[in-house]
């Protein structure tokens, strides 16, 4: 990890089987996965359903932070995983930054243009 990585959050590591957060728990921040793999599970009573696996370069927990709600799924490390943790308020502030808003708007318009041209 380079020195600049610390500007994006606090480095954290998870071993295989570690629970990063549990369904129903308070959303305290967002993880940027640097390497490894995280499995996402949703419990329905006694049954658990595997939803997805995510890896390096992906965000984890951002939907709950943006929506200001508890986690709707459980996230477990399925491989040794390194990530950067950014607290909820800091993440929400970063989304409000003009450059980030502009980038998001640009991506949204490109996605909309591509989607409409393929229909």
PDB file of N, CA and C in Angstrom:
ATOM      1  N   UNK A   1       0.851  -1.170   0.000  1.00  0.00           N
ATOM      2  CA  UNK A   1       0.000   0.000   0.000  1.00  0.00           C
ATOM      3  C   UNK A   1       0.895   1.231   0.000  1.00  0.00           C
ATOM      4  N   UNK A   2       0.582   2.189  -0.870  1.00  0.00           N
ATOM      5  CA  UNK A   2       1.390   3.400  -0.949  1.00  0.00           C
ATOM      6  C   UNK A   2       0.979   4.383   0.138  1.00  0.00           C
ATOM      7  N   UNK A   3       1.804   5.397   0.329  1.00  0.00           N
ATOM      8  CA  UNK A   3       1.502   6.421   1.314  1.00  0.00           C
ATOM      9  C   UNK A   3       0.174   7.109   1.005  1.00  0.00           C
ATOM     10  N   UNK A   4      -0.138   7.319  -0.276  1.00  0.00           N
ATOM     11  CA  UNK A   4      -1.340   8.039  -0.665  1.00  0.00           C
ATOM     12  C   UNK A   4      -2.619   7.289  -0.309  1.00  0.00           C
ATOM     13  N   UNK A   5      -2.562   5.962  -0.180  1.00  0.00           N
ATOM     14  CA  UNK A   5      -3.750   5.185   0.131  1.00  0.00           C
ATOM     15  C   UNK A   5      -4.384   5.601   1.445  1.00  0.00           C
ATOM     16  N   UNK A   6      -3.583   6.027   2.411  1.00  0.00           N
ATOM     17  CA  UNK A   6      -4.122   6.386   3.723  1.00  0.00           C
ATOM     18  C   UNK A   6      -5.049   7.598   3.642  1.00  0.00           C
ATOM     19  N   UNK A   7      -4.955   8.397   2.569  1.00  0.00           N
ATOM     20  CA  UNK A   7      -5.843   9.542   2.398  1.00  0.00           C
ATOM     21  C   UNK A   7      -7.275   9.106   2.114  1.00  0.00           C
ATOM     22  N   UNK A   8      -7.469   7.886   1.696  1.00  0.00           N
ATOM     23  CA  UNK A   8      -8.793   7.399   1.340  1.00  0.00           C
ATOM     24  C   UNK A   8      -9.464   6.652   2.472  1.00  0.00           C
ATOM     25  N   UNK A   9      -8.776   6.417   3.568  1.00  0.00           N
ATOM     26  CA  UNK A   9      -9.371   5.720   4.687  1.00  0.00           C
ATOM     27  C   UNK A   9      -8.331   4.975   5.498  1.00  0.00           C
ATOM     28  N   UNK A  10      -8.817   4.312   6.523  1.00  0.00           N
ATOM     29  CA  UNK A  10      -7.960   3.560   7.434  1.00  0.00           C
ATOM     30  C   UNK A  10      -7.763   2.144   6.898  1.00  0.00           C
ATOM     31  N   UNK A  11      -6.507   1.693   6.760  1.00  0.00           N
ATOM     32  CA  UNK A  11      -6.274   0.323   6.302  1.00  0.00           C
ATOM     33  C   UNK A  11      -6.800  -0.695   7.322  1.00  0.00           C
ATOM     34  N   UNK A  12      -7.520  -1.675   6.840  1.00  0.00           N
ATOM     35  CA  UNK A  12      -8.028  -2.766   7.674  1.00  0.00           C
ATOM     36  C   UNK A  12      -7.807  -4.080   6.936  1.00  0.00           C
ATOM     37  N   UNK A  13      -7.658  -5.159   7.698  1.00  0.00           N
ATOM     38  CA  UNK A  13      -7.459  -6.494   7.117  1.00  0.00           C
ATOM     39  C   UNK A  13      -8.417  -7.474   7.761  1.00  0.00           C
ATOM     40  N   UNK A  14      -8.837  -8.466   6.966  1.00  0.00           N
ATOM     41  CA  UNK A  14      -9.750  -9.495   7.438  1.00  0.00           C
ATOM     42  C   UNK A  14      -9.213 -10.859   7.037  1.00  0.00           C
ATOM     43  N   UNK A  15      -9.299 -11.816   7.955  1.00  0.00           N
ATOM     44  CA  UNK A  15      -8.905 -13.198   7.688  1.00  0.00           C
ATOM     45  C   UNK A  15     -10.099 -13.951   7.113  1.00  0.00           C
ATOM     46  N   UNK A  16      -9.838 -15.081   6.499  1.00  0.00           N
ATOM     47  CA  UNK A  16     -10.910 -15.930   5.969  1.00  0.00           C
ATOM     48  C   UNK A  16     -11.906 -16.233   7.091  1.00  0.00           C
ATOM     49  N   UNK A  17     -13.178 -15.997   6.819  1.00  0.00           N
ATOM     50  CA  UNK A  17     -14.230 -16.267   7.792  1.00  0.00           C
ATOM     51  C   UNK A  17     -14.614 -15.090   8.662  1.00  0.00           C
ATOM     52  N   UNK A  18     -13.814 -14.022   8.654  1.00  0.00           N
ATOM     53  CA  UNK A  18     -14.164 -12.838   9.453  1.00  0.00           C
ATOM     54  C   UNK A  18     -15.448 -12.204   8.927  1.00  0.00           C
ATOM     55  N   UNK A  19     -16.316 -11.801   9.842  1.00  0.00           N
ATOM     56  CA  UNK A  19     -17.513 -11.060   9.476  1.00  0.00           C
ATOM     57  C   UNK A  19     -17.158  -9.580   9.483  1.00  0.00           C
ATOM     58  N   UNK A  20     -17.346  -8.927   8.358  1.00  0.00           N
ATOM     59  CA  UNK A  20     -17.046  -7.505   8.229  1.00  0.00           C
ATOM     60  C   UNK A  20     -18.198  -6.699   8.814  1.00  0.00           C
ATOM     61  N   UNK A  21     -19.416  -7.094   8.487  1.00  0.00           N
ATOM     62  CA  UNK A  21     -20.611  -6.579   9.152  1.00  0.00           C
ATOM     63  C   UNK A  21     -21.740  -7.578   8.974  1.00  0.00           C
ATOM     64  N   UNK A  22     -22.730  -7.483   9.854  1.00  0.00           N
ATOM     65  CA  UNK A  22     -23.856  -8.417   9.875  1.00  0.00           C
ATOM     66  C   UNK A  22     -25.139  -7.741   9.427  1.00  0.00           C
ATOM     67  N   UNK A  23     -26.013  -8.532   8.839  1.00  0.00           N
ATOM     68  CA  UNK A  23     -27.335  -8.052   8.444  1.00  0.00           C
ATOM     69  C   UNK A  23     -28.025  -7.460   9.668  1.00  0.00           C
ATOM     70  N   UNK A  24     -28.575  -6.275   9.498  1.00  0.00           N
ATOM     71  CA  UNK A  24     -29.274  -5.601  10.589  1.00  0.00           C
ATOM     72  C   UNK A  24     -28.397  -4.710  11.447  1.00  0.00           C
ATOM     73  N   UNK A  25     -27.073  -4.810  11.294  1.00  0.00           N
ATOM     74  CA  UNK A  25     -26.185  -3.978  12.111  1.00  0.00           C
ATOM     75  C   UNK A  25     -26.121  -2.554  11.569  1.00  0.00           C
ATOM     76  N   UNK A  26     -25.728  -1.634  12.447  1.00  0.00           N
ATOM     77  CA  UNK A  26     -25.611  -0.227  12.072  1.00  0.00           C
ATOM     78  C   UNK A  26     -24.528  -0.053  11.016  1.00  0.00           C
ATOM     79  N   UNK A  27     -24.800   0.790  10.052  1.00  0.00           N
ATOM     80  CA  UNK A  27     -23.835   1.097   9.004  1.00  0.00           C
ATOM     81  C   UNK A  27     -22.921   2.211   9.487  1.00  0.00           C
ATOM     82  N   UNK A  28     -21.647   1.890   9.685  1.00  0.00           N
ATOM     83  CA  UNK A  28     -20.712   2.871  10.229  1.00  0.00           C
ATOM     84  C   UNK A  28     -19.746   3.420   9.191  1.00  0.00           C
ATOM     85  N   UNK A  29     -19.711   2.834   7.989  1.00  0.00           N
ATOM     86  CA  UNK A  29     -18.798   3.322   6.968  1.00  0.00           C
ATOM     87  C   UNK A  29     -18.742   2.425   5.756  1.00  0.00           C
ATOM     88  N   UNK A  30     -17.826   2.771   4.862  1.00  0.00           N
ATOM     89  CA  UNK A  30     -17.673   2.112   3.573  1.00  0.00           C
ATOM     90  C   UNK A  30     -16.267   1.519   3.488  1.00  0.00           C
ATOM     91  N   UNK A  31     -16.177   0.354   2.888  1.00  0.00           N
ATOM     92  CA  UNK A  31     -14.898  -0.313   2.668  1.00  0.00           C
ATOM     93  C   UNK A  31     -14.574  -0.296   1.178  1.00  0.00           C
ATOM     94  N   UNK A  32     -13.365   0.128   0.836  1.00  0.00           N
ATOM     95  CA  UNK A  32     -12.874  -0.038  -0.526  1.00  0.00           C
ATOM     96  C   UNK A  32     -11.980  -1.271  -0.495  1.00  0.00           C
ATOM     97  N   UNK A  33     -12.396  -2.312  -1.164  1.00  0.00           N
ATOM     98  CA  UNK A  33     -11.636  -3.560  -1.163  1.00  0.00           C
ATOM     99  C   UNK A  33     -10.396  -3.374  -2.045  1.00  0.00           C
ATOM    100  N   UNK A  34      -9.231  -3.607  -1.464  1.00  0.00           N
ATOM    101  CA  UNK A  34      -7.982  -3.502  -2.208  1.00  0.00           C
ATOM    102  C   UNK A  34      -7.621  -4.834  -2.850  1.00  0.00           C
ATOM    103  N   UNK A  35      -7.726  -5.900  -2.067  1.00  0.00           N
ATOM    104  CA  UNK A  35      -7.485  -7.243  -2.582  1.00  0.00           C
ATOM    105  C   UNK A  35      -8.170  -8.245  -1.675  1.00  0.00           C
ATOM    106  N   UNK A  36      -8.383  -9.441  -2.196  1.00  0.00           N
ATOM    107  CA  UNK A  36      -9.084 -10.468  -1.454  1.00  0.00           C
ATOM    108  C   UNK A  36     -10.479 -10.676  -2.018  1.00  0.00           C
ATOM    109  N   UNK A  37     -11.340 -11.271  -1.222  1.00  0.00           N
ATOM    110  CA  UNK A  37     -12.714 -11.521  -1.665  1.00  0.00           C
ATOM    111  C   UNK A  37     -13.657 -11.489  -0.479  1.00  0.00           C
ATOM    112  N   UNK A  38     -14.828 -10.891  -0.707  1.00  0.00           N
ATOM    113  CA  UNK A  38     -15.871 -10.793   0.311  1.00  0.00           C
ATOM    114  C   UNK A  38     -17.145 -11.399  -0.261  1.00  0.00           C
ATOM    115  N   UNK A  39     -17.756 -12.294   0.487  1.00  0.00           N
ATOM    116  CA  UNK A  39     -19.031 -12.883   0.090  1.00  0.00           C
ATOM    117  C   UNK A  39     -20.154 -12.161   0.804  1.00  0.00           C
ATOM    118  N   UNK A  40     -21.225 -11.900   0.061  1.00  0.00           N
ATOM    119  CA  UNK A  40     -22.389 -11.182   0.566  1.00  0.00           C
ATOM    120  C   UNK A  40     -23.529 -12.184   0.723  1.00  0.00           C
ATOM    121  N   UNK A  41     -24.143 -12.200   1.915  1.00  0.00           N
ATOM    122  CA  UNK A  41     -25.208 -13.143   2.256  1.00  0.00           C
ATOM    123  C   UNK A  41     -26.426 -12.405   2.779  1.00  0.00           C
ATOM    124  N   UNK A  42     -27.602 -12.921   2.460  1.00  0.00           N
ATOM    125  CA  UNK A  42     -28.842 -12.390   3.027  1.00  0.00           C
ATOM    126  C   UNK A  42     -29.551 -13.534   3.741  1.00  0.00           C
ATOM    127  N   UNK A  43     -29.891 -13.298   4.998  1.00  0.00           N
ATOM    128  CA  UNK A  43     -30.596 -14.310   5.793  1.00  0.00           C
ATOM    129  C   UNK A  43     -32.094 -14.069   5.687  1.00  0.00           C
ATOM    130  N   UNK A  44     -32.827 -15.176   5.608  1.00  0.00           N
ATOM    131  CA  UNK A  44     -34.286 -15.141   5.627  1.00  0.00           C
ATOM    132  C   UNK A  44     -34.695 -16.253   6.582  1.00  0.00           C
ATOM    133  N   UNK A  45     -34.918 -15.863   7.831  1.00  0.00           N
ATOM    134  CA  UNK A  45     -35.187 -16.867   8.855  1.00  0.00           C
ATOM    135  C   UNK A  45     -33.933 -17.682   9.107  1.00  0.00           C
ATOM    136  N   UNK A  46     -34.053 -18.995   8.988  1.00  0.00           N
ATOM    137  CA  UNK A  46     -32.907 -19.891   9.216  1.00  0.00           C
ATOM    138  C   UNK A  46     -32.052 -20.075   7.969  1.00  0.00           C
ATOM    139  N   UNK A  47     -32.558 -19.650   6.814  1.00  0.00           N
ATOM    140  CA  UNK A  47     -31.862 -19.833   5.542  1.00  0.00           C
ATOM    141  C   UNK A  47     -30.983 -18.625   5.222  1.00  0.00           C
ATOM    142  N   UNK A  48     -29.807 -18.888   4.645  1.00  0.00           N
ATOM    143  CA  UNK A  48     -28.935 -17.818   4.161  1.00  0.00           C
ATOM    144  C   UNK A  48     -28.706 -18.040   2.675  1.00  0.00           C
ATOM    145  N   UNK A  49     -28.825 -16.972   1.919  1.00  0.00           N
ATOM    146  CA  UNK A  49     -28.674 -17.040   0.467  1.00  0.00           C
ATOM    147  C   UNK A  49     -27.452 -16.218   0.058  1.00  0.00           C
ATOM    148  N   UNK A  50     -26.559 -16.823  -0.717  1.00  0.00           N
ATOM    149  CA  UNK A  50     -25.387 -16.121  -1.226  1.00  0.00           C
ATOM    150  C   UNK A  50     -25.841 -15.170  -2.325  1.00  0.00           C
ATOM    151  N   UNK A  51     -25.548 -13.882  -2.157  1.00  0.00           N
ATOM    152  CA  UNK A  51     -25.981 -12.847  -3.097  1.00  0.00           C
ATOM    153  C   UNK A  51     -24.899 -12.544  -4.130  1.00  0.00           C
ATOM    154  N   UNK A  52     -23.650 -12.378  -3.671  1.00  0.00           N
ATOM    155  CA  UNK A  52     -22.568 -11.970  -4.573  1.00  0.00           C
ATOM    156  C   UNK A  52     -21.224 -12.172  -3.900  1.00  0.00           C
ATOM    157  N   UNK A  53     -20.188 -12.115  -4.704  1.00  0.00           N
ATOM    158  CA  UNK A  53     -18.811 -12.066  -4.222  1.00  0.00           C
ATOM    159  C   UNK A  53     -18.173 -10.842  -4.851  1.00  0.00           C
ATOM    160  N   UNK A  54     -17.453 -10.068  -4.043  1.00  0.00           N
ATOM    161  CA  UNK A  54     -16.783  -8.891  -4.570  1.00  0.00           C
ATOM    162  C   UNK A  54     -15.304  -8.953  -4.239  1.00  0.00           C
ATOM    163  N   UNK A  55     -14.519  -8.219  -5.011  1.00  0.00           N
ATOM    164  CA  UNK A  55     -13.076  -8.246  -4.815  1.00  0.00           C
ATOM    165  C   UNK A  55     -12.452  -6.879  -4.981  1.00  0.00           C
ATOM    166  N   UNK A  56     -11.160  -6.889  -5.289  1.00  0.00           N
ATOM    167  CA  UNK A  56     -10.386  -5.661  -5.390  1.00  0.00           C
ATOM    168  C   UNK A  56     -11.018  -4.617  -6.297  1.00  0.00           C
ATOM    169  N   UNK A  57     -11.005  -3.371  -5.830  1.00  0.00           N
ATOM    170  CA  UNK A  57     -11.535  -2.257  -6.593  1.00  0.00           C
ATOM    171  C   UNK A  57     -13.003  -1.984  -6.365  1.00  0.00           C
ATOM    172  N   UNK A  58     -13.670  -2.808  -5.570  1.00  0.00           N
ATOM    173  CA  UNK A  58     -15.104  -2.628  -5.348  1.00  0.00           C
ATOM    174  C   UNK A  58     -15.366  -2.029  -3.971  1.00  0.00           C
ATOM    175  N   UNK A  59     -16.498  -1.331  -3.862  1.00  0.00           N
ATOM    176  CA  UNK A  59     -16.935  -0.755  -2.592  1.00  0.00           C
ATOM    177  C   UNK A  59     -17.880  -1.711  -1.890  1.00  0.00           C
ATOM    178  N   UNK A  60     -17.856  -1.651  -0.572  1.00  0.00           N
ATOM    179  CA  UNK A  60     -18.700  -2.492   0.269  1.00  0.00           C
ATOM    180  C   UNK A  60     -19.349  -1.612   1.328  1.00  0.00           C
ATOM    181  N   UNK A  61     -20.672  -1.658   1.419  1.00  0.00           N
ATOM    182  CA  UNK A  61     -21.391  -0.918   2.449  1.00  0.00           C
ATOM    183  C   UNK A  61     -21.865   0.460   2.044  1.00  0.00           C
ATOM    184  N   UNK A  62     -21.602   0.858   0.805  1.00  0.00           N
ATOM    185  CA  UNK A  62     -21.941   2.219   0.384  1.00  0.00           C
ATOM    186  C   UNK A  62     -23.446   2.465   0.313  1.00  0.00           C
ATOM    187  N   UNK A  63     -24.225   1.474  -0.076  1.00  0.00           N
ATOM    188  CA  UNK A  63     -25.672   1.670  -0.193  1.00  0.00           C
ATOM    189  C   UNK A  63     -26.284   1.986   1.170  1.00  0.00           C
ATOM    190  N   UNK A  64     -25.896   1.246   2.180  1.00  0.00           N
ATOM    191  CA  UNK A  64     -26.423   1.488   3.530  1.00  0.00           C
ATOM    192  C   UNK A  64     -26.011   2.854   4.060  1.00  0.00           C
ATOM    193  N   UNK A  65     -24.786   3.271   3.777  1.00  0.00           N
ATOM    194  CA  UNK A  65     -24.315   4.584   4.233  1.00  0.00           C
ATOM    195  C   UNK A  65     -25.086   5.698   3.542  1.00  0.00           C
ATOM    196  N   UNK A  66     -25.231   5.594   2.232  1.00  0.00           N
ATOM    197  CA  UNK A  66     -25.937   6.638   1.485  1.00  0.00           C
ATOM    198  C   UNK A  66     -27.399   6.715   1.916  1.00  0.00           C
ATOM    199  N   UNK A  67     -28.032   5.549   2.100  1.00  0.00           N
ATOM    200  CA  UNK A  67     -29.448   5.501   2.486  1.00  0.00           C
ATOM    201  C   UNK A  67     -29.658   5.739   3.979  1.00  0.00           C
ATOM    202  N   UNK A  68     -28.560   5.772   4.741  1.00  0.00           N
ATOM    203  CA  UNK A  68     -28.628   5.971   6.197  1.00  0.00           C
ATOM    204  C   UNK A  68     -29.510   4.910   6.860  1.00  0.00           C
ATOM    205  N   UNK A  69     -29.232   3.660   6.534  1.00  0.00           N
ATOM    206  CA  UNK A  69     -29.994   2.562   7.118  1.00  0.00           C
ATOM    207  C   UNK A  69     -29.050   1.438   7.542  1.00  0.00           C
ATOM    208  N   UNK A  70     -29.584   0.519   8.336  1.00  0.00           N
ATOM    209  CA  UNK A  70     -28.789  -0.630   8.763  1.00  0.00           C
ATOM    210  C   UNK A  70     -28.498  -1.523   7.563  1.00  0.00           C
ATOM    211  N   UNK A  71     -27.474  -2.359   7.725  1.00  0.00           N
ATOM    212  CA  UNK A  71     -27.092  -3.271   6.645  1.00  0.00           C
ATOM    213  C   UNK A  71     -28.207  -4.271   6.359  1.00  0.00           C
ATOM    214  N   UNK A  72     -28.468  -4.510   5.087  1.00  0.00           N
ATOM    215  CA  UNK A  72     -29.503  -5.463   4.682  1.00  0.00           C
ATOM    216  C   UNK A  72     -28.918  -6.835   4.374  1.00  0.00           C
ATOM    217  N   UNK A  73     -27.593  -6.958   4.476  1.00  0.00           N
ATOM    218  CA  UNK A  73     -26.896  -8.213   4.190  1.00  0.00           C
ATOM    219  C   UNK A  73     -25.748  -8.396   5.175  1.00  0.00           C
ATOM    220  N   UNK A  74     -25.157  -9.588   5.148  1.00  0.00           N
ATOM    221  CA  UNK A  74     -23.951  -9.877   5.919  1.00  0.00           C
ATOM    222  C   UNK A  74     -22.786  -9.992   4.952  1.00  0.00           C
ATOM    223  N   UNK A  75     -21.635  -9.441   5.320  1.00  0.00           N
ATOM    224  CA  UNK A  75     -20.431  -9.498   4.498  1.00  0.00           C
ATOM    225  C   UNK A  75     -19.353 -10.269   5.259  1.00  0.00           C
ATOM    226  N   UNK A  76     -18.856 -11.354   4.651  1.00  0.00           N
ATOM    227  CA  UNK A  76     -17.811 -12.189   5.246  1.00  0.00           C
ATOM    228  C   UNK A  76     -16.618 -12.283   4.301  1.00  0.00           C
ATOM    229  N   UNK A  77     -15.416 -12.216   4.855  1.00  0.00           N
ATOM    230  CA  UNK A  77     -14.217 -12.410   4.040  1.00  0.00           C
ATOM    231  C   UNK A  77     -14.102 -13.891   3.680  1.00  0.00           C
ATOM    232  N   UNK A  78     -14.015 -14.188   2.385  1.00  0.00           N
ATOM    233  CA  UNK A  78     -13.856 -15.575   1.954  1.00  0.00           C
ATOM    234  C   UNK A  78     -12.418 -15.860   1.523  1.00  0.00           C
ATOM    235  N   UNK A  79     -11.601 -14.826   1.485  1.00  0.00           N
ATOM    236  CA  UNK A  79     -10.151 -14.909   1.269  1.00  0.00           C
ATOM    237  C   UNK A  79      -9.534 -13.844   2.157  1.00  0.00           C
ATOM    238  N   UNK A  80      -8.245 -13.937   2.455  1.00  0.00           N
ATOM    239  CA  UNK A  80      -7.616 -12.831   3.187  1.00  0.00           C
ATOM    240  C   UNK A  80      -7.875 -11.538   2.408  1.00  0.00           C
ATOM    241  N   UNK A  81      -8.363 -10.522   3.099  1.00  0.00           N
ATOM    242  CA  UNK A  81      -8.823  -9.302   2.428  1.00  0.00           C
ATOM    243  C   UNK A  81      -8.241  -8.063   3.085  1.00  0.00           C
ATOM    244  N   UNK A  82      -7.750  -7.154   2.247  1.00  0.00           N
ATOM    245  CA  UNK A  82      -7.269  -5.850   2.689  1.00  0.00           C
ATOM    246  C   UNK A  82      -8.185  -4.792   2.102  1.00  0.00           C
ATOM    247  N   UNK A  83      -8.515  -3.803   2.917  1.00  0.00           N
ATOM    248  CA  UNK A  83      -9.435  -2.758   2.494  1.00  0.00           C
ATOM    249  C   UNK A  83      -9.053  -1.446   3.147  1.00  0.00           C
ATOM    250  N   UNK A  84      -9.684  -0.384   2.670  1.00  0.00           N
ATOM    251  CA  UNK A  84      -9.606   0.923   3.309  1.00  0.00           C
ATOM    252  C   UNK A  84     -10.995   1.234   3.828  1.00  0.00           C
ATOM    253  N   UNK A  85     -11.079   1.627   5.107  1.00  0.00           N
ATOM    254  CA  UNK A  85     -12.359   1.956   5.729  1.00  0.00           C
ATOM    255  C   UNK A  85     -12.506   3.464   5.799  1.00  0.00           C
ATOM    256  N   UNK A  86     -13.643   3.961   5.321  1.00  0.00           N
ATOM    257  CA  UNK A  86     -13.955   5.385   5.374  1.00  0.00           C
ATOM    258  C   UNK A  86     -15.249   5.522   6.156  1.00  0.00           C
ATOM    259  N   UNK A  87     -15.230   6.248   7.267  1.00  0.00           N
ATOM    260  CA  UNK A  87     -16.403   6.426   8.111  1.00  0.00           C
ATOM    261  C   UNK A  87     -17.580   7.011   7.336  1.00  0.00           C
ATOM    262  N   UNK A  88     -18.786   6.752   7.814  1.00  0.00           N
ATOM    263  CA  UNK A  88     -20.010   7.131   7.111  1.00  0.00           C
ATOM    264  C   UNK A  88     -20.073   8.629   6.806  1.00  0.00           C
ATOM    265  N   UNK A  89     -19.843   9.464   7.787  1.00  0.00           N
ATOM    266  CA  UNK A  89     -19.946  10.911   7.566  1.00  0.00           C
ATOM    267  C   UNK A  89     -18.881  11.390   6.588  1.00  0.00           C
ATOM    268  N   UNK A  90     -17.658  10.892   6.722  1.00  0.00           N
ATOM    269  CA  UNK A  90     -16.591  11.285   5.797  1.00  0.00           C
ATOM    270  C   UNK A  90     -16.926  10.845   4.375  1.00  0.00           C
ATOM    271  N   UNK A  91     -17.499   9.648   4.226  1.00  0.00           N
ATOM    272  CA  UNK A  91     -17.874   9.168   2.899  1.00  0.00           C
ATOM    273  C   UNK A  91     -18.980  10.049   2.309  1.00  0.00           C
ATOM    274  N   UNK A  92     -19.996  10.359   3.113  1.00  0.00           N
ATOM    275  CA  UNK A  92     -21.077  11.211   2.613  1.00  0.00           C
ATOM    276  C   UNK A  92     -20.549  12.597   2.229  1.00  0.00           C
ATOM    277  N   UNK A  93     -19.618  13.145   3.028  1.00  0.00           N
ATOM    278  CA  UNK A  93     -19.011  14.446   2.683  1.00  0.00           C
ATOM    279  C   UNK A  93     -18.254  14.342   1.361  1.00  0.00           C
ATOM    280  N   UNK A  94     -17.553  13.235   1.158  1.00  0.00           N
ATOM    281  CA  UNK A  94     -16.776  13.088  -0.088  1.00  0.00           C
ATOM    282  C   UNK A  94     -17.698  13.037  -1.300  1.00  0.00           C
ATOM    283  N   UNK A  95     -18.902  12.486  -1.138  1.00  0.00           N
ATOM    284  CA  UNK A  95     -19.852  12.449  -2.250  1.00  0.00           C
ATOM    285  C   UNK A  95     -20.363  13.833  -2.607  1.00  0.00           C
ATOM    286  N   UNK A  96     -20.336  14.736  -1.640  1.00  0.00           N
ATOM    287  CA  UNK A  96     -20.819  16.090  -1.867  1.00  0.00           C
ATOM    288  C   UNK A  96     -19.771  16.979  -2.534  1.00  0.00           C
ATOM    289  N   UNK A  97     -18.525  16.505  -2.629  1.00  0.00           N
ATOM    290  CA  UNK A  97     -17.464  17.308  -3.243  1.00  0.00           C
ATOM    291  C   UNK A  97     -17.799  17.567  -4.710  1.00  0.00           C
ATOM    292  N   UNK A  98     -17.580  18.785  -5.191  1.00  0.00           N
ATOM    293  CA  UNK A  98     -17.941  19.132  -6.573  1.00  0.00           C
ATOM    294  C   UNK A  98     -17.352  18.189  -7.627  1.00  0.00           C
ATOM    295  N   UNK A  99     -16.089  17.802  -7.476  1.00  0.00           N
ATOM    296  CA  UNK A  99     -15.479  16.902  -8.470  1.00  0.00           C
ATOM    297  C   UNK A  99     -16.170  15.550  -8.498  1.00  0.00           C
ATOM    298  N   UNK A 100     -16.527  15.052  -7.322  1.00  0.00           N
ATOM    299  CA  UNK A 100     -17.186  13.747  -7.243  1.00  0.00           C
ATOM    300  C   UNK A 100     -18.572  13.829  -7.864  1.00  0.00           C
ATOM    301  N   UNK A 101     -19.319  14.886  -7.560  1.00  0.00           N
ATOM    302  CA  UNK A 101     -20.653  15.063  -8.155  1.00  0.00           C
ATOM    303  C   UNK A 101     -20.552  15.143  -9.672  1.00  0.00           C
ATOM    304  N   UNK A 102     -19.570  15.900 -10.164  1.00  0.00           N
ATOM    305  CA  UNK A 102     -19.385  16.034 -11.609  1.00  0.00           C
ATOM    306  C   UNK A 102     -19.060  14.675 -12.235  1.00  0.00           C
ATOM    307  N   UNK A 103     -18.159  13.936 -11.603  1.00  0.00           N
ATOM    308  CA  UNK A 103     -17.801  12.602 -12.110  1.00  0.00           C
ATOM    309  C   UNK A 103     -19.000  11.672 -12.125  1.00  0.00           C
ATOM    310  N   UNK A 104     -19.792  11.702 -11.062  1.00  0.00           N
ATOM    311  CA  UNK A 104     -20.989  10.864 -10.997  1.00  0.00           C
ATOM    312  C   UNK A 104     -21.998  11.242 -12.066  1.00  0.00           C
ATOM    313  N   UNK A 105     -22.199  12.537 -12.262  1.00  0.00           N
ATOM    314  CA  UNK A 105     -23.122  12.992 -13.300  1.00  0.00           C
ATOM    315  C   UNK A 105     -22.637  12.585 -14.688  1.00  0.00           C
ATOM    316  N   UNK A 106     -21.334  12.683 -14.917  1.00  0.00           N
ATOM    317  CA  UNK A 106     -20.764  12.286 -16.203  1.00  0.00           C
ATOM    318  C   UNK A 106     -20.977  10.801 -16.446  1.00  0.00           C
ATOM    319  N   UNK A 107     -20.674   9.982 -15.433  1.00  0.00           N
ATOM    320  CA  UNK A 107     -20.881   8.533 -15.591  1.00  0.00           C
ATOM    321  C   UNK A 107     -22.342   8.203 -15.810  1.00  0.00           C
ATOM    322  N   UNK A 108     -23.226   8.875 -15.072  1.00  0.00           N
ATOM    323  CA  UNK A 108     -24.656   8.630 -15.218  1.00  0.00           C
ATOM    324  C   UNK A 108     -25.120   8.965 -16.633  1.00  0.00           C
ATOM    325  N   UNK A 109     -24.677  10.097 -17.182  1.00  0.00           N
ATOM    326  CA  UNK A 109     -25.107  10.478 -18.527  1.00  0.00           C
ATOM    327  C   UNK A 109     -24.531   9.525 -19.571  1.00  0.00           C
ATOM    328  N   UNK A 110     -23.308   9.061 -19.371  1.00  0.00           N
ATOM    329  CA  UNK A 110     -22.730   8.094 -20.319  1.00  0.00           C
ATOM    330  C   UNK A 110     -23.483   6.774 -20.275  1.00  0.00           C
ATOM    331  N   UNK A 111     -23.816   6.331 -19.070  1.00  0.00           N
ATOM    332  CA  UNK A 111     -24.553   5.075 -18.923  1.00  0.00           C
ATOM    333  C   UNK A 111     -25.926   5.202 -19.557  1.00  0.00           C
ATOM    334  N   UNK A 112     -26.608   6.320 -19.338  1.00  0.00           N
ATOM    335  CA  UNK A 112     -27.936   6.544 -19.915  1.00  0.00           C
ATOM    336  C   UNK A 112     -27.865   6.576 -21.429  1.00  0.00           C
ATOM    337  N   UNK A 113     -26.841   7.232 -21.971  1.00  0.00           N
ATOM    338  CA  UNK A 113     -26.676   7.329 -23.421  1.00  0.00           C
ATOM    339  C   UNK A 113     -26.421   5.946 -24.017  1.00  0.00           C
ATOM    340  N   UNK A 114     -25.556   5.176 -23.394  1.00  0.00           N
ATOM    341  CA  UNK A 114     -25.250   3.829 -23.886  1.00  0.00           C
ATOM    342  C   UNK A 114     -26.459   2.926 -23.799  1.00  0.00           C
ATOM    343  N   UNK A 115     -27.200   3.016 -22.695  1.00  0.00           N
ATOM    344  CA  UNK A 115     -28.376   2.165 -22.515  1.00  0.00           C
ATOM    345  C   UNK A 115     -29.431   2.475 -23.565  1.00  0.00           C
ATOM    346  N   UNK A 116     -29.651   3.757 -23.840  1.00  0.00           N
ATOM    347  CA  UNK A 116     -30.670   4.114 -24.820  1.00  0.00           C
ATOM    348  C   UNK A 116     -30.243   3.771 -26.243  1.00  0.00           C
ATOM    349  N   UNK A 117     -28.939   3.763 -26.512  1.00  0.00           N
ATOM    350  CA  UNK A 117     -28.483   3.424 -27.864  1.00  0.00           C
ATOM    351  C   UNK A 117     -28.500   1.922 -28.124  1.00  0.00           C
ATOM    352  N   UNK A 118     -28.587   1.113 -27.065  1.00  0.00           N
ATOM    353  CA  UNK A 118     -28.630  -0.350 -27.246  1.00  0.00           C
ATOM    354  C   UNK A 118     -30.044  -0.880 -27.226  1.00  0.00           C
ATOM    355  N   UNK A 119     -31.012  -0.044 -26.930  1.00  0.00           N
ATOM    356  CA  UNK A 119     -32.416  -0.491 -26.893  1.00  0.00           C
ATOM    357  C   UNK A 119     -33.066  -0.409 -28.249  1.00  0.00           C
TER     358      UNK A 119
END
